[in-house]
């Protein structure tokens, strides 16, 4: 089966963003396997998705400094087994940080606790239980503004909307 799987080395490298500063709209609702590379074309992450555009946007928001290049193989029908086989084939002999030691940073919602200041941590720790969602949302908004500024400086022009319900839990993720 491995002989019929696409080789990562044979795929054309693509820029992560279009010249307009967005994720390629042709990836919207497309199914496939993708590899993300940093500015030095070092492999950072290999994943698969039922909606490439959303997954790529999530990675860009979570790891903007490491999303510069891309290789993609799309499939017409959702077949998880095939997607996993291709992902594993691409990972053979390679250990990108996003699939290893830094997997949480690439695949989970951003947790504000990982980025809050000492003062914010103290304020949350001393707060009443009923006040915590409001405080977490405030911290999430600060972090959201920092992320959006970093993306804008990077040339990202894509509209990005964070899930408002998750902010009250101290989490940031795109919707």
Protein backbone atom coordinates (compact mmCIF):
# COMPACT_ATOMS: atom_id res chain seq x y z
CA UNK A 1 0.00 0.00 0.00
CA UNK A 2 2.88 2.39 0.79
CA UNK A 3 3.89 2.28 -2.88
CA UNK A 4 0.59 3.89 -3.90
CA UNK A 5 0.71 6.59 -1.23
CA UNK A 6 1.94 10.05 -2.28
CA UNK A 7 5.48 10.87 -1.18
CA UNK A 8 5.94 14.15 0.64
CA UNK A 9 9.16 14.85 -1.29
CA UNK A 10 7.28 14.64 -4.60
CA UNK A 11 4.71 17.30 -3.74
CA UNK A 12 5.10 20.91 -4.82
CA UNK A 13 5.97 23.31 -1.99
CA UNK A 14 3.42 26.09 -1.64
CA UNK A 15 3.39 29.32 0.36
CA UNK A 16 1.22 29.07 3.46
CA UNK A 17 -0.64 32.26 2.54
CA UNK A 18 -1.83 33.55 -0.81
CA UNK A 19 -0.48 36.86 -2.11
CA UNK A 20 -3.67 38.38 -0.66
CA UNK A 21 -2.60 37.25 2.83
CA UNK A 22 -5.20 34.51 3.24
CA UNK A 23 -5.44 30.75 3.37
CA UNK A 24 -6.10 29.52 -0.17
CA UNK A 25 -9.91 29.56 -0.52
CA UNK A 26 -9.78 26.42 -2.67
CA UNK A 27 -9.04 24.47 0.54
CA UNK A 28 -12.46 25.34 1.96
CA UNK A 29 -14.27 22.07 2.78
CA UNK A 30 -11.51 20.07 1.04
CA UNK A 31 -10.30 16.83 2.62
CA UNK A 32 -6.62 16.01 2.72
CA UNK A 33 -3.27 15.55 4.36
CA UNK A 34 -0.91 18.48 4.77
CA UNK A 35 2.63 19.23 5.88
CA UNK A 36 3.58 22.60 7.35
CA UNK A 37 7.06 24.07 7.05
CA UNK A 38 8.75 27.02 8.74
CA UNK A 39 10.55 29.89 6.98
CA UNK A 40 13.64 27.66 6.54
CA UNK A 41 11.49 24.92 4.93
CA UNK A 42 11.99 22.67 7.96
CA UNK A 43 9.06 20.32 8.51
CA UNK A 44 7.05 21.41 11.56
CA UNK A 45 3.80 19.41 11.45
CA UNK A 46 1.93 16.77 9.45
CA UNK A 47 -1.83 16.50 9.82
CA UNK A 48 -5.03 15.61 8.04
CA UNK A 49 -8.40 17.30 7.93
CA UNK A 50 -11.93 17.18 6.61
CA UNK A 51 -11.72 20.96 6.07
CA UNK A 52 -8.20 22.02 5.15
CA UNK A 53 -8.95 25.76 5.27
CA UNK A 54 -10.14 25.69 8.88
CA UNK A 55 -7.30 23.42 10.04
CA UNK A 56 -4.66 25.56 8.35
CA UNK A 57 -6.14 28.72 9.86
CA UNK A 58 -6.10 27.13 13.32
CA UNK A 59 -2.42 26.23 12.92
CA UNK A 60 -1.61 29.73 11.68
CA UNK A 61 -3.28 31.26 14.75
CA UNK A 62 -1.62 28.80 17.15
CA UNK A 63 1.86 28.81 15.58
CA UNK A 64 2.23 31.88 13.32
CA UNK A 65 6.04 31.85 13.41
CA UNK A 66 6.19 28.28 12.09
CA UNK A 67 3.63 28.38 9.25
CA UNK A 68 5.39 29.57 6.11
CA UNK A 69 5.32 26.67 3.68
CA UNK A 70 2.88 23.94 2.85
CA UNK A 71 2.50 20.70 0.94
CA UNK A 72 -0.98 19.28 0.45
CA UNK A 73 -2.51 16.09 -0.91
CA UNK A 74 -6.30 16.23 -1.25
CA UNK A 75 -8.73 13.32 -1.50
CA UNK A 76 -12.27 13.35 -2.83
CA UNK A 77 -13.98 11.28 -0.15
CA UNK A 78 -13.42 11.16 3.60
CA UNK A 79 -11.50 7.99 4.40
CA UNK A 80 -9.87 8.30 7.80
CA UNK A 81 -7.86 5.12 7.33
CA UNK A 82 -6.33 6.45 4.09
CA UNK A 83 -5.63 9.87 5.63
CA UNK A 84 -3.86 8.26 8.61
CA UNK A 85 -1.85 6.00 6.28
CA UNK A 86 -0.66 9.00 4.26
CA UNK A 87 0.15 10.95 7.43
CA UNK A 88 2.15 8.03 8.83
CA UNK A 89 3.91 7.56 5.47
CA UNK A 90 4.97 11.21 5.49
CA UNK A 91 6.17 10.93 9.08
CA UNK A 92 8.32 7.83 8.44
CA UNK A 93 11.81 8.69 9.67
CA UNK A 94 10.82 12.26 10.51
CA UNK A 95 9.90 13.72 13.86
CA UNK A 96 8.60 17.25 13.40
CA UNK A 97 8.00 19.12 16.67
CA UNK A 98 4.29 19.54 16.00
CA UNK A 99 3.83 15.78 15.95
CA UNK A 100 6.02 15.21 18.98
CA UNK A 101 7.17 17.39 21.85
CA UNK A 102 5.07 20.40 20.76
CA UNK A 103 1.91 18.53 19.69
CA UNK A 104 -0.27 20.38 22.20
CA UNK A 105 0.74 23.75 20.72
CA UNK A 106 -0.32 22.64 17.25
CA UNK A 107 -3.47 20.68 17.94
CA UNK A 108 -5.23 22.10 21.00
CA UNK A 109 -6.98 25.37 21.74
CA UNK A 110 -4.71 28.09 23.13
CA UNK A 111 -4.95 28.06 26.92
CA UNK A 112 -4.54 31.56 28.38
CA UNK A 113 -2.95 30.07 31.49
CA UNK A 114 0.13 29.33 29.37
CA UNK A 115 0.44 33.04 28.52
CA UNK A 116 -0.97 35.05 31.38
CA UNK A 117 1.11 37.44 33.45
CA UNK A 118 1.93 36.83 37.10
CA UNK A 119 -0.52 39.59 38.03
CA UNK A 120 -3.29 37.96 35.97
CA UNK A 121 -2.60 34.56 37.55
CA UNK A 122 -2.79 36.09 41.02
CA UNK A 123 -6.02 37.92 40.22
CA UNK A 124 -7.67 34.74 38.94
CA UNK A 125 -6.41 32.69 41.89
CA UNK A 126 -7.81 35.19 44.41
CA UNK A 127 -11.14 35.68 42.61
CA UNK A 128 -14.50 34.22 43.53
CA UNK A 129 -15.54 31.21 41.43
CA UNK A 130 -18.36 33.20 39.80
CA UNK A 131 -15.95 35.95 38.71
CA UNK A 132 -13.48 33.61 36.97
CA UNK A 133 -15.25 33.37 33.58
CA UNK A 134 -15.25 37.17 33.25
CA UNK A 135 -11.57 37.39 34.23
CA UNK A 136 -10.58 34.56 31.88
CA UNK A 137 -12.49 36.24 29.06
CA UNK A 138 -10.65 39.51 29.70
CA UNK A 139 -7.28 37.74 29.61
CA UNK A 140 -8.33 35.84 26.47
CA UNK A 141 -9.23 39.13 24.78
CA UNK A 142 -5.79 40.55 25.61
CA UNK A 143 -4.09 37.47 24.19
CA UNK A 144 -6.41 37.54 21.16
CA UNK A 145 -5.36 41.14 20.43
CA UNK A 146 -1.68 40.15 20.67
CA UNK A 147 -2.19 37.22 18.30
CA UNK A 148 -4.13 39.32 15.79
CA UNK A 149 -1.45 42.04 15.87
CA UNK A 150 1.26 39.45 15.25
CA UNK A 151 -0.70 37.99 12.34
CA UNK A 152 -1.34 41.43 10.86
CA UNK A 153 2.38 42.23 11.08
CA UNK A 154 3.01 38.95 9.27
CA UNK A 155 0.74 40.12 6.43
CA UNK A 156 -2.30 38.00 7.25
CA UNK A 157 -5.44 39.63 5.87
CA UNK A 158 -7.83 36.77 6.60
CA UNK A 159 -10.81 37.47 8.81
CA UNK A 160 -10.30 35.57 12.05
CA UNK A 161 -13.07 35.04 14.57
CA UNK A 162 -12.45 33.38 17.91
CA UNK A 163 -15.10 31.26 19.62
CA UNK A 164 -16.62 33.60 22.27
CA UNK A 165 -17.85 30.76 24.53
CA UNK A 166 -14.35 29.30 24.84
CA UNK A 167 -12.95 32.63 26.03
CA UNK A 168 -14.92 32.30 29.28
CA UNK A 169 -13.08 29.02 29.84
CA UNK A 170 -9.73 30.70 29.20
CA UNK A 171 -9.34 29.14 25.75
CA UNK A 172 -8.85 30.63 22.30
CA UNK A 173 -9.75 28.87 19.09
CA UNK A 174 -11.06 29.97 15.72
CA UNK A 175 -14.63 29.24 14.69
